[in-house]
Amino acid sequence: MPRAIGFLVYPGFQLLDATGPIAAFEIAGRFSPGAYSLHFLSLRGEPTPSSSGVTIHTTALADAPRLDTLLISGGDGVKVPATCPETLAFVREAGRQARRVASVCSGTYVLAEAGLLNGKRATTHWSRTKDFQRRYPDIRLEPDRIWIQDGSVWSSAGITAGIDLALAMIGADEGETIARRTAQQLVVYHHRPGGQSQHSALIDLRPGRFDALLSWARQNLSEPLSVEQLAERAGMSPRNFARQFAQETGVTPAKAVERLRVEAARALLDSGPLQIEDVALETGFGDGERMRRAFIRAFGQPPQALRRAARAG
């Protein structure tokens, strides 16, 4: 019998928070026929507009099938379900009856208001972190995570992270081969680890004429990547390069390179079997102590602590 996956939406939901995961489950169903039945749900079963204006046809909560999984979409309109007694009652019942409940992005607020995150670990979109922690100080929010599973409750960061969450669920349900084929069809990573940072160092830097140089540096982290080497590749004098790079990106060349290194090192620590010293060599730090200091500056924790957290998650 197909597993019924319900996607809770409401006026002002973020379209990709719902359609990204539903596409993953739909494609997985092609490779494993009969694995899933998919249902958009809303309070009254009315056509429900997303924040972009695209409207989704839905089934009323009262008419929802018995769910295997309830997934709550995020979006600017999340206050609607998070303050609706009928919706919260439905979510609480799903927490008791369904095999798992989940949220994407700010859908985490609905889980929190329903009491399903009490004493649990969770994540949400980075832009919501401070507000969420202020509202729910007893929930163990881990803001720099892509997705987290704590028992039967799952949560993810925003937008495309919902696809990562869905792929993890598909892997648990149907096996890694189906999850891998689904990811290939979606043209996304099969495994973007739950502990990987929500941010990319290249995204954090201001875009500009040094984008190509930074992309090259990211692919050549084993190189020294000194100011002199970068300046030569940019066709500039070291002094002029350092000045213009800082003006353009907002950080010094050395700081930009360190960001690239810690990002790459954290991904290796989260997903690979390499020892910490090997990761330090692979990403150009040279030794574990230098990498440790960089991690504390970037994440407030040493590499060992972040690796333990990733494996626990």
Foldseek 3Di string as FASTA:
>chain_A
DAAEEEEEDAAAFAVLLRVLLVLLVVQLCVVVPRHHDYFYEYQPQPFHAHNVRDTDGHDHLVPDDQHQEYEYTHGPPLVVLLPDPVNLVSVLVCLVRHQAYEYAAVSVSSCVSSVVQQVHEWEHALVCVVVVCVVCVRGNYDHFWQKDDDRRYIYGYHRNSSNLVSLVVCCVRPNLVSSVVSCVVVVHDSHQFRLQGPDALLVLWADDDCSVLLVVCLVVQLDQQDLCVSCVVVVHHSVVSQVVVCVRGVDGSVVSLLRSLLNQLLSCLLPHDDDQQVSCNVRNVNGQVSQQVSCCVVPVGGSVVSSVVRVVD
